[in-house]
Amino acid sequence: MSEPNHEAPVLCASHGAVRLITLNRPASLNSFTRAMHALLLPALNEAAEDEQVRAVIITGAGRGFCAGQDLNDGMQGDGAAPDVGAIIESLYRPLSARVRSMPVPVIAAVNGVAAGAGANFALCCDMVIAARSASFIQAFSKIGLVPDCGGTWLLPRLVGRARALGLAMTGDKLPAEEAERIGLIWQCVDDAALMDTSLTLAGKLSKMPSRALAETRRALDAASTLDFGEAITLEADTQRELGRAHDFVEGVSAFLGKRPPVFKDR
C-alpha cells in the first residue's frame, strides 16, 4: 500500500492480515460526504481483492464513529429539493452491499456516536464492538426520512419489530451497553479497550477459514427469508462446495493430526 495521506477522509493501514479502515473527518464526527464515499468503497474493494487481507476493521477518527450523511454535502440544491433516493442508489446501496459481500469478516469498532446512515453502516458489518461511551441513533425521523443504508432490513432482524419501530420512530439515543443487551451489537467494552479488543478479534478471525465465514454470513442472511426445508437445502449446497475446498481438508487433517490448521481459502 502507498503512504497514507493523513488529511484524506478515509485512511487505511495494515496490521498483519487485518486491514484497518478509518473514517477521517473528526471535526464533523466523520459524517459521510461524496469525497468520503469516493475513497471508502474503493478501500473496501481493495481489501476484498487483496489475498493477504483476511479481516477488516472499520472505525472513526476522533470522538465519533460516523454521524451519518453530512447534510451540507450534496443535500442542498439550487432551491429544488434534493433527490435523496438518488443518493441512496448511487452511494449507500453499493456501500452497504459491498460490506455485506466481503470475502472476509468485517468488524465495526464504534468509538463514539453512530447516527443515521452511520449507525446502519456499522450494523451492516459482521460484528460491532462499541466503546462504553458510544451510542446508536436512528436519526432519520428527526428530518422526515426513514432508516436507510439497509436499516429497514437490519433493525427488525437484529432486535425485533417492536424495538426496531421504537428506535426508528423516536430517534432516541441508544447507549452501547443497552445496544449489547438487546442484541443490536456483538460487544460493549471499556473505551480504552476498544481497539485492542477489535484487533484481537480480527486477528482471531484472520486465522480462521475466511471462505467458510463469508458463506456463514450469506447462509444466515438467506435463511431469514426461507422456510426450514429450503434452509437445509441451502446448507447442503453450501457444504457441498466447501467440502471440496482446501480449508475443509486442512481442517480435518489438522484436527486428526492434533496440530493448528493453516487455512488459505478466501
C-alpha atoms as a PDB file:
ATOM      1  CA  MET A   1       0.000   0.000   0.000  1.00  0.00           C
ATOM      2  CA  SER A   2       1.115   3.587  -0.658  1.00  0.00           C
ATOM      3  CA  GLU A   3       1.924   6.031   2.136  1.00  0.00           C
ATOM      4  CA  PRO A   4      -1.322   7.330   3.701  1.00  0.00           C
ATOM      5  CA  ASN A   5      -2.475  10.915   3.257  1.00  0.00           C
ATOM      6  CA  HIS A   6      -3.496  11.807   6.800  1.00  0.00           C
ATOM      7  CA  GLU A   7      -5.703  14.639   5.535  1.00  0.00           C
ATOM      8  CA  ALA A   8      -7.763  12.235   3.414  1.00  0.00           C
ATOM      9  CA  PRO A   9     -11.342  11.477   4.582  1.00  0.00           C
ATOM     10  CA  VAL A  10     -10.529   7.745   4.648  1.00  0.00           C
ATOM     11  CA  LEU A  11      -7.321   6.210   5.998  1.00  0.00           C
ATOM     12  CA  CYS A  12      -6.106   2.643   5.523  1.00  0.00           C
ATOM     13  CA  ALA A  13      -3.459   0.728   7.458  1.00  0.00           C
ATOM     14  CA  SER A  14      -2.436  -2.913   7.676  1.00  0.00           C
ATOM     15  CA  HIS A  15      -1.877  -4.855  10.885  1.00  0.00           C
ATOM     16  CA  GLY A  16      -0.643  -8.176   9.569  1.00  0.00           C
ATOM     17  CA  ALA A  17      -3.610  -9.833   7.861  1.00  0.00           C
ATOM     18  CA  VAL A  18      -6.011  -7.198   9.259  1.00  0.00           C
ATOM     19  CA  ARG A  19      -6.894  -4.093   7.229  1.00  0.00           C
ATOM     20  CA  LEU A  20      -7.900  -1.095   9.365  1.00  0.00           C
ATOM     21  CA  ILE A  21     -10.087   1.475   7.574  1.00  0.00           C
ATOM     22  CA  THR A  22     -10.636   4.751   9.441  1.00  0.00           C
ATOM     23  CA  LEU A  23     -13.292   7.346   8.602  1.00  0.00           C
ATOM     24  CA  ASN A  24     -11.307  10.549   8.924  1.00  0.00           C
ATOM     25  CA  ARG A  25     -13.446  13.682   9.218  1.00  0.00           C
ATOM     26  CA  PRO A  26     -13.234  14.049  13.021  1.00  0.00           C
ATOM     27  CA  ALA A  27     -14.302  17.707  13.072  1.00  0.00           C
ATOM     28  CA  SER A  28     -17.629  16.620  11.516  1.00  0.00           C
ATOM     29  CA  LEU A  29     -17.947  13.381  13.508  1.00  0.00           C
ATOM     30  CA  ASN A  30     -16.903  11.540  10.325  1.00  0.00           C
ATOM     31  CA  SER A  31     -20.178  12.310   8.572  1.00  0.00           C
ATOM     32  CA  PHE A  32     -20.438  10.980   5.028  1.00  0.00           C
ATOM     33  CA  THR A  33     -19.603  13.181   2.060  1.00  0.00           C
ATOM     34  CA  ARG A  34     -19.195  12.352  -1.605  1.00  0.00           C
ATOM     35  CA  ALA A  35     -15.441  12.703  -1.137  1.00  0.00           C
ATOM     36  CA  MET A  36     -15.525  10.123   1.657  1.00  0.00           C
ATOM     37  CA  HIS A  37     -17.665   7.739  -0.392  1.00  0.00           C
ATOM     38  CA  ALA A  38     -15.231   8.142  -3.299  1.00  0.00           C
ATOM     39  CA  LEU A  39     -12.477   6.667  -1.110  1.00  0.00           C
ATOM     40  CA  LEU A  40     -14.399   4.328   1.185  1.00  0.00           C
ATOM     41  CA  LEU A  41     -15.881   1.987  -1.416  1.00  0.00           C
ATOM     42  CA  PRO A  42     -12.535   1.619  -3.260  1.00  0.00           C
ATOM     43  CA  ALA A  43     -10.816   0.943   0.088  1.00  0.00           C
ATOM     44  CA  LEU A  44     -13.247  -1.883   0.756  1.00  0.00           C
ATOM     45  CA  ASN A  45     -12.837  -3.192  -2.789  1.00  0.00           C
ATOM     46  CA  GLU A  46      -9.061  -3.136  -2.409  1.00  0.00           C
ATOM     47  CA  ALA A  47      -9.286  -5.085   0.846  1.00  0.00           C
ATOM     48  CA  ALA A  48     -11.616  -7.586  -0.822  1.00  0.00           C
ATOM     49  CA  GLU A  49      -9.201  -8.110  -3.693  1.00  0.00           C
ATOM     50  CA  ASP A  50      -6.037  -8.349  -1.576  1.00  0.00           C
ATOM     51  CA  GLU A  51      -5.380 -12.018  -0.843  1.00  0.00           C
ATOM     52  CA  GLN A  52      -3.257 -11.032   2.159  1.00  0.00           C
ATOM     53  CA  VAL A  53      -6.208  -9.383   3.912  1.00  0.00           C
ATOM     54  CA  ARG A  54      -8.220 -11.831   5.998  1.00  0.00           C
ATOM     55  CA  ALA A  55     -10.214  -9.450   8.234  1.00  0.00           C
ATOM     56  CA  VAL A  56     -11.259  -5.789   8.138  1.00  0.00           C
ATOM     57  CA  ILE A  57     -11.911  -3.286  10.928  1.00  0.00           C
ATOM     58  CA  ILE A  58     -13.794  -0.046  10.265  1.00  0.00           C
ATOM     59  CA  THR A  59     -13.615   2.728  12.850  1.00  0.00           C
ATOM     60  CA  GLY A  60     -13.806   6.511  13.131  1.00  0.00           C
ATOM     61  CA  ALA A  61     -11.198   9.141  13.926  1.00  0.00           C
ATOM     62  CA  GLY A  62     -11.658  11.352  16.950  1.00  0.00           C
ATOM     63  CA  ARG A  63     -14.685  11.214  19.223  1.00  0.00           C
ATOM     64  CA  GLY A  64     -17.255   9.696  16.868  1.00  0.00           C
ATOM     65  CA  PHE A  65     -17.737   6.741  14.551  1.00  0.00           C
ATOM     66  CA  CYS A  66     -19.985   8.390  11.959  1.00  0.00           C
ATOM     67  CA  ALA A  67     -22.800  10.920  12.320  1.00  0.00           C
ATOM     68  CA  GLY A  68     -24.469   9.844   9.078  1.00  0.00           C
ATOM     69  CA  GLN A  69     -24.890  11.909   5.928  1.00  0.00           C
ATOM     70  CA  ASP A  70     -23.368  15.380   6.023  1.00  0.00           C
ATOM     71  CA  LEU A  71     -26.441  17.488   5.221  1.00  0.00           C
ATOM     72  CA  ASN A  72     -24.203  20.255   3.883  1.00  0.00           C
ATOM     73  CA  ASP A  73     -22.785  17.967   1.211  1.00  0.00           C
ATOM     74  CA  GLY A  74     -24.931  17.134  -1.792  1.00  0.00           C
ATOM     75  CA  MET A  75     -28.189  17.763   0.076  1.00  0.00           C
ATOM     76  CA  GLN A  76     -28.591  21.429  -0.798  1.00  0.00           C
ATOM     77  CA  GLY A  77     -29.532  22.080  -4.411  1.00  0.00           C
ATOM     78  CA  ASP A  78     -30.366  25.223  -6.368  1.00  0.00           C
ATOM     79  CA  GLY A  79     -33.608  25.735  -4.480  1.00  0.00           C
ATOM     80  CA  ALA A  80     -35.105  22.400  -5.546  1.00  0.00           C
ATOM     81  CA  ALA A  81     -35.491  19.531  -3.116  1.00  0.00           C
ATOM     82  CA  PRO A  82     -32.573  17.076  -3.347  1.00  0.00           C
ATOM     83  CA  ASP A  83     -33.218  13.609  -4.768  1.00  0.00           C
ATOM     84  CA  VAL A  84     -32.427  11.669  -1.617  1.00  0.00           C
ATOM     85  CA  GLY A  85     -33.373   8.419  -3.351  1.00  0.00           C
ATOM     86  CA  ALA A  86     -30.706   9.004  -5.978  1.00  0.00           C
ATOM     87  CA  ILE A  87     -28.129   9.489  -3.211  1.00  0.00           C
ATOM     88  CA  ILE A  88     -29.167   6.163  -1.673  1.00  0.00           C
ATOM     89  CA  GLU A  89     -28.984   4.365  -5.011  1.00  0.00           C
ATOM     90  CA  SER A  90     -25.664   5.837  -6.099  1.00  0.00           C
ATOM     91  CA  LEU A  91     -23.781   5.869  -2.778  1.00  0.00           C
ATOM     92  CA  TYR A  92     -25.363   3.878   0.048  1.00  0.00           C
ATOM     93  CA  ARG A  93     -26.624   0.883  -1.917  1.00  0.00           C
ATOM     94  CA  PRO A  94     -23.159  -0.032  -3.273  1.00  0.00           C
ATOM     95  CA  LEU A  95     -21.506   0.737   0.067  1.00  0.00           C
ATOM     96  CA  SER A  96     -23.812  -1.451   2.163  1.00  0.00           C
ATOM     97  CA  ALA A  97     -23.826  -4.212  -0.470  1.00  0.00           C
ATOM     98  CA  ARG A  98     -20.025  -4.230  -0.537  1.00  0.00           C
ATOM     99  CA  VAL A  99     -19.744  -4.617   3.249  1.00  0.00           C
ATOM    100  CA  ARG A 100     -22.240  -7.482   3.285  1.00  0.00           C
ATOM    101  CA  SER A 101     -20.479  -9.300   0.448  1.00  0.00           C
ATOM    102  CA  MET A 102     -16.886  -9.007   1.642  1.00  0.00           C
ATOM    103  CA  PRO A 103     -14.926 -12.269   1.335  1.00  0.00           C
ATOM    104  CA  VAL A 104     -13.557 -11.751   4.853  1.00  0.00           C
ATOM    105  CA  PRO A 105     -15.130 -10.820   8.204  1.00  0.00           C
ATOM    106  CA  VAL A 106     -15.767  -7.108   8.819  1.00  0.00           C
ATOM    107  CA  ILE A 107     -15.786  -5.599  12.318  1.00  0.00           C
ATOM    108  CA  ALA A 108     -17.124  -2.140  13.156  1.00  0.00           C
ATOM    109  CA  ALA A 109     -15.200  -0.614  16.068  1.00  0.00           C
ATOM    110  CA  VAL A 110     -17.644   2.084  17.156  1.00  0.00           C
ATOM    111  CA  ASN A 111     -15.751   4.679  19.172  1.00  0.00           C
ATOM    112  CA  GLY A 112     -18.481   7.275  19.686  1.00  0.00           C
ATOM    113  CA  VAL A 113     -21.771   8.344  18.203  1.00  0.00           C
ATOM    114  CA  ALA A 114     -23.071   6.284  15.285  1.00  0.00           C
ATOM    115  CA  ALA A 115     -26.100   8.089  13.900  1.00  0.00           C
ATOM    116  CA  GLY A 116     -28.355   7.739  10.881  1.00  0.00           C
ATOM    117  CA  ALA A 117     -26.586   6.070   7.983  1.00  0.00           C
ATOM    118  CA  GLY A 118     -23.500   5.854  10.203  1.00  0.00           C
ATOM    119  CA  ALA A 119     -25.351   3.608  12.653  1.00  0.00           C
ATOM    120  CA  ASN A 120     -26.710   1.353   9.925  1.00  0.00           C
ATOM    121  CA  PHE A 121     -23.361   1.234   8.143  1.00  0.00           C
ATOM    122  CA  ALA A 122     -21.903  -0.154  11.386  1.00  0.00           C
ATOM    123  CA  LEU A 123     -24.760  -2.664  11.650  1.00  0.00           C
ATOM    124  CA  CYS A 124     -24.023  -3.858   8.104  1.00  0.00           C
ATOM    125  CA  CYS A 125     -20.730  -5.211   9.425  1.00  0.00           C
ATOM    126  CA  ASP A 126     -20.487  -8.787  10.667  1.00  0.00           C
ATOM    127  CA  MET A 127     -19.691  -7.803  14.243  1.00  0.00           C
ATOM    128  CA  VAL A 128     -19.982  -4.497  16.072  1.00  0.00           C
ATOM    129  CA  ILE A 129     -17.783  -3.767  19.069  1.00  0.00           C
ATOM    130  CA  ALA A 130     -18.633  -0.468  20.736  1.00  0.00           C
ATOM    131  CA  ALA A 131     -16.905   1.647  23.341  1.00  0.00           C
ATOM    132  CA  ARG A 132     -18.935   2.077  26.503  1.00  0.00           C
ATOM    133  CA  SER A 133     -19.361   5.787  25.735  1.00  0.00           C
ATOM    134  CA  ALA A 134     -20.666   5.077  22.222  1.00  0.00           C
ATOM    135  CA  SER A 135     -24.286   5.363  21.182  1.00  0.00           C
ATOM    136  CA  PHE A 136     -26.549   4.484  18.266  1.00  0.00           C
ATOM    137  CA  ILE A 137     -29.193   6.856  16.935  1.00  0.00           C
ATOM    138  CA  GLN A 138     -31.738   6.227  14.185  1.00  0.00           C
ATOM    139  CA  ALA A 139     -31.896   9.944  13.490  1.00  0.00           C
ATOM    140  CA  PHE A 140     -33.970   9.785  10.292  1.00  0.00           C
ATOM    141  CA  SER A 141     -37.366  10.581  11.806  1.00  0.00           C
ATOM    142  CA  LYS A 142     -35.983  13.882  13.074  1.00  0.00           C
ATOM    143  CA  ILE A 143     -35.573  15.120   9.499  1.00  0.00           C
ATOM    144  CA  GLY A 144     -38.637  13.471   7.968  1.00  0.00           C
ATOM    145  CA  LEU A 145     -36.993  10.365   6.499  1.00  0.00           C
ATOM    146  CA  VAL A 146     -36.936   6.596   7.057  1.00  0.00           C
ATOM    147  CA  PRO A 147     -33.904   4.474   8.034  1.00  0.00           C
ATOM    148  CA  ASP A 148     -31.569   3.844   5.110  1.00  0.00           C
ATOM    149  CA  CYS A 149     -28.215   2.182   4.404  1.00  0.00           C
ATOM    150  CA  GLY A 150     -30.064  -1.096   4.966  1.00  0.00           C
ATOM    151  CA  GLY A 151     -31.614  -0.049   8.280  1.00  0.00           C
ATOM    152  CA  THR A 152     -35.169  -1.141   7.465  1.00  0.00           C
ATOM    153  CA  TRP A 153     -33.867  -4.657   6.746  1.00  0.00           C
ATOM    154  CA  LEU A 154     -31.326  -4.859   9.561  1.00  0.00           C
ATOM    155  CA  LEU A 155     -33.169  -3.418  12.564  1.00  0.00           C
ATOM    156  CA  PRO A 156     -36.136  -5.823  12.831  1.00  0.00           C
ATOM    157  CA  ARG A 157     -33.869  -8.807  12.184  1.00  0.00           C
ATOM    158  CA  LEU A 158     -31.482  -7.739  14.920  1.00  0.00           C
ATOM    159  CA  VAL A 159     -33.884  -6.597  17.655  1.00  0.00           C
ATOM    160  CA  GLY A 160     -37.413  -7.480  16.506  1.00  0.00           C
ATOM    161  CA  ARG A 161     -40.209  -5.332  15.087  1.00  0.00           C
ATOM    162  CA  ALA A 162     -41.236  -3.613  18.323  1.00  0.00           C
ATOM    163  CA  ARG A 163     -37.765  -2.375  19.205  1.00  0.00           C
ATOM    164  CA  ALA A 164     -36.988  -1.558  15.570  1.00  0.00           C
ATOM    165  CA  LEU A 165     -40.067   0.660  15.345  1.00  0.00           C
ATOM    166  CA  GLY A 166     -39.315   2.267  18.683  1.00  0.00           C
ATOM    167  CA  LEU A 167     -35.739   3.094  17.724  1.00  0.00           C
ATOM    168  CA  ALA A 168     -36.711   4.323  14.249  1.00  0.00           C
ATOM    169  CA  MET A 169     -39.758   6.363  15.235  1.00  0.00           C
ATOM    170  CA  THR A 170     -38.378   8.088  18.333  1.00  0.00           C
ATOM    171  CA  GLY A 171     -34.841   8.611  17.081  1.00  0.00           C
ATOM    172  CA  ASP A 172     -33.732   8.312  20.701  1.00  0.00           C
ATOM    173  CA  LYS A 173     -30.101   7.716  21.617  1.00  0.00           C
ATOM    174  CA  LEU A 174     -29.337   4.078  22.456  1.00  0.00           C
ATOM    175  CA  PRO A 175     -26.277   3.673  24.722  1.00  0.00           C
ATOM    176  CA  ALA A 176     -23.788   0.978  23.764  1.00  0.00           C
ATOM    177  CA  GLU A 177     -24.444  -1.129  26.874  1.00  0.00           C
ATOM    178  CA  GLU A 178     -28.162  -1.239  26.077  1.00  0.00           C
ATOM    179  CA  ALA A 179     -27.377  -1.984  22.421  1.00  0.00           C
ATOM    180  CA  GLU A 180     -25.423  -5.030  23.556  1.00  0.00           C
ATOM    181  CA  ARG A 181     -28.172  -6.088  25.983  1.00  0.00           C
ATOM    182  CA  ILE A 182     -30.887  -6.131  23.315  1.00  0.00           C
ATOM    183  CA  GLY A 183     -28.693  -7.864  20.730  1.00  0.00           C
ATOM    184  CA  LEU A 184     -28.174  -4.935  18.366  1.00  0.00           C
ATOM    185  CA  ILE A 185     -24.381  -5.281  18.625  1.00  0.00           C
ATOM    186  CA  TRP A 186     -21.911  -8.016  19.497  1.00  0.00           C
ATOM    187  CA  GLN A 187     -19.992  -6.458  22.380  1.00  0.00           C
ATOM    188  CA  CYS A 188     -19.602  -3.329  24.516  1.00  0.00           C
ATOM    189  CA  VAL A 189     -16.176  -2.710  26.057  1.00  0.00           C
ATOM    190  CA  ASP A 190     -14.394  -0.014  28.016  1.00  0.00           C
ATOM    191  CA  ASP A 191     -13.307   2.880  25.807  1.00  0.00           C
ATOM    192  CA  ALA A 192      -9.612   2.236  26.368  1.00  0.00           C
ATOM    193  CA  ALA A 193     -10.005  -1.404  25.335  1.00  0.00           C
ATOM    194  CA  LEU A 194     -11.906  -0.812  22.083  1.00  0.00           C
ATOM    195  CA  MET A 195      -9.084  -1.028  19.558  1.00  0.00           C
ATOM    196  CA  ASP A 196      -7.166  -3.792  21.324  1.00  0.00           C
ATOM    197  CA  THR A 197     -10.357  -5.844  21.595  1.00  0.00           C
ATOM    198  CA  SER A 198     -11.189  -5.235  17.939  1.00  0.00           C
ATOM    199  CA  LEU A 199      -7.681  -6.109  16.756  1.00  0.00           C
ATOM    200  CA  THR A 200      -7.645  -9.256  18.889  1.00  0.00           C
ATOM    201  CA  LEU A 201     -10.959 -10.422  17.451  1.00  0.00           C
ATOM    202  CA  ALA A 202      -9.908  -9.541  13.899  1.00  0.00           C
ATOM    203  CA  GLY A 203      -6.639 -11.388  14.417  1.00  0.00           C
ATOM    204  CA  LYS A 204      -8.518 -14.457  15.608  1.00  0.00           C
ATOM    205  CA  LEU A 205     -10.897 -14.351  12.633  1.00  0.00           C
ATOM    206  CA  SER A 206      -7.992 -13.830  10.223  1.00  0.00           C
ATOM    207  CA  LYS A 207      -6.625 -17.256  11.182  1.00  0.00           C
ATOM    208  CA  MET A 208      -9.978 -18.957  10.587  1.00  0.00           C
ATOM    209  CA  PRO A 209     -11.331 -20.235   7.235  1.00  0.00           C
ATOM    210  CA  SER A 210     -12.321 -16.973   5.527  1.00  0.00           C
ATOM    211  CA  ARG A 211     -14.436 -18.542   2.819  1.00  0.00           C
ATOM    212  CA  ALA A 212     -16.443 -20.540   5.345  1.00  0.00           C
ATOM    213  CA  LEU A 213     -17.004 -17.423   7.453  1.00  0.00           C
ATOM    214  CA  ALA A 214     -18.247 -15.458   4.438  1.00  0.00           C
ATOM    215  CA  GLU A 215     -20.528 -18.351   3.462  1.00  0.00           C
ATOM    216  CA  THR A 216     -21.846 -18.473   7.042  1.00  0.00           C
ATOM    217  CA  ARG A 217     -22.883 -14.825   6.715  1.00  0.00           C
ATOM    218  CA  ARG A 218     -24.529 -15.496   3.369  1.00  0.00           C
ATOM    219  CA  ALA A 219     -26.393 -18.586   4.585  1.00  0.00           C
ATOM    220  CA  LEU A 220     -27.712 -16.915   7.738  1.00  0.00           C
ATOM    221  CA  ASP A 221     -28.917 -13.881   5.798  1.00  0.00           C
ATOM    222  CA  ALA A 222     -30.570 -16.013   3.131  1.00  0.00           C
ATOM    223  CA  ALA A 223     -32.215 -18.321   5.665  1.00  0.00           C
ATOM    224  CA  SER A 224     -34.181 -15.403   7.132  1.00  0.00           C
ATOM    225  CA  THR A 225     -36.428 -15.485   4.043  1.00  0.00           C
ATOM    226  CA  LEU A 226     -36.514 -19.282   3.540  1.00  0.00           C
ATOM    227  CA  ASP A 227     -38.646 -21.973   5.081  1.00  0.00           C
ATOM    228  CA  PHE A 228     -36.956 -24.705   7.139  1.00  0.00           C
ATOM    229  CA  GLY A 229     -36.625 -27.162   4.288  1.00  0.00           C
ATOM    230  CA  GLU A 230     -35.232 -24.531   1.940  1.00  0.00           C
ATOM    231  CA  ALA A 231     -32.688 -23.515   4.573  1.00  0.00           C
ATOM    232  CA  ILE A 232     -31.478 -27.099   4.905  1.00  0.00           C
ATOM    233  CA  THR A 233     -31.178 -27.337   1.119  1.00  0.00           C
ATOM    234  CA  LEU A 234     -29.060 -24.191   1.159  1.00  0.00           C
ATOM    235  CA  GLU A 235     -26.919 -25.722   3.903  1.00  0.00           C
ATOM    236  CA  ALA A 236     -26.412 -28.863   1.843  1.00  0.00           C
ATOM    237  CA  ASP A 237     -25.490 -26.919  -1.288  1.00  0.00           C
ATOM    238  CA  THR A 238     -23.043 -24.744   0.638  1.00  0.00           C
ATOM    239  CA  GLN A 239     -21.459 -27.687   2.447  1.00  0.00           C
ATOM    240  CA  ARG A 240     -21.079 -29.485  -0.874  1.00  0.00           C
ATOM    241  CA  GLU A 241     -18.975 -26.623  -2.204  1.00  0.00           C
ATOM    242  CA  LEU A 242     -16.997 -26.069   0.991  1.00  0.00           C
ATOM    243  CA  GLY A 243     -16.380 -29.798   1.353  1.00  0.00           C
ATOM    244  CA  ARG A 244     -14.432 -29.744  -1.920  1.00  0.00           C
ATOM    245  CA  ALA A 245     -12.250 -26.839  -0.836  1.00  0.00           C
ATOM    246  CA  HIS A 246      -8.779 -26.769   0.699  1.00  0.00           C
ATOM    247  CA  ASP A 247      -9.850 -25.484   4.103  1.00  0.00           C
ATOM    248  CA  PHE A 248     -12.149 -28.412   4.875  1.00  0.00           C
ATOM    249  CA  VAL A 249      -9.438 -30.939   4.020  1.00  0.00           C
ATOM    250  CA  GLU A 250      -6.912 -28.919   6.009  1.00  0.00           C
ATOM    251  CA  GLY A 251      -9.247 -28.515   8.988  1.00  0.00           C
ATOM    252  CA  VAL A 252      -9.962 -32.237   9.201  1.00  0.00           C
ATOM    253  CA  SER A 253      -6.301 -33.130   8.700  1.00  0.00           C
ATOM    254  CA  ALA A 254      -5.213 -30.684  11.399  1.00  0.00           C
ATOM    255  CA  PHE A 255      -7.875 -31.973  13.808  1.00  0.00           C
ATOM    256  CA  LEU A 256      -6.835 -35.601  13.303  1.00  0.00           C
ATOM    257  CA  GLY A 257      -3.154 -34.699  13.450  1.00  0.00           C
ATOM    258  CA  LYS A 258      -3.649 -32.593  16.598  1.00  0.00           C
ATOM    259  CA  ARG A 259      -1.945 -29.562  15.057  1.00  0.00           C
ATOM    260  CA  PRO A 260      -3.014 -25.978  14.317  1.00  0.00           C
ATOM    261  CA  PRO A 261      -4.686 -25.641  10.890  1.00  0.00           C
ATOM    262  CA  VAL A 262      -3.387 -23.302   8.198  1.00  0.00           C
ATOM    263  CA  PHE A 263      -6.403 -22.032   6.271  1.00  0.00           C
ATOM    264  CA  LYS A 264      -5.937 -20.494   2.819  1.00  0.00           C
ATOM    265  CA  ASP A 265      -9.309 -20.315   1.056  1.00  0.00           C
ATOM    266  CA  ARG A 266     -10.858 -16.922   0.538  1.00  0.00           C
END
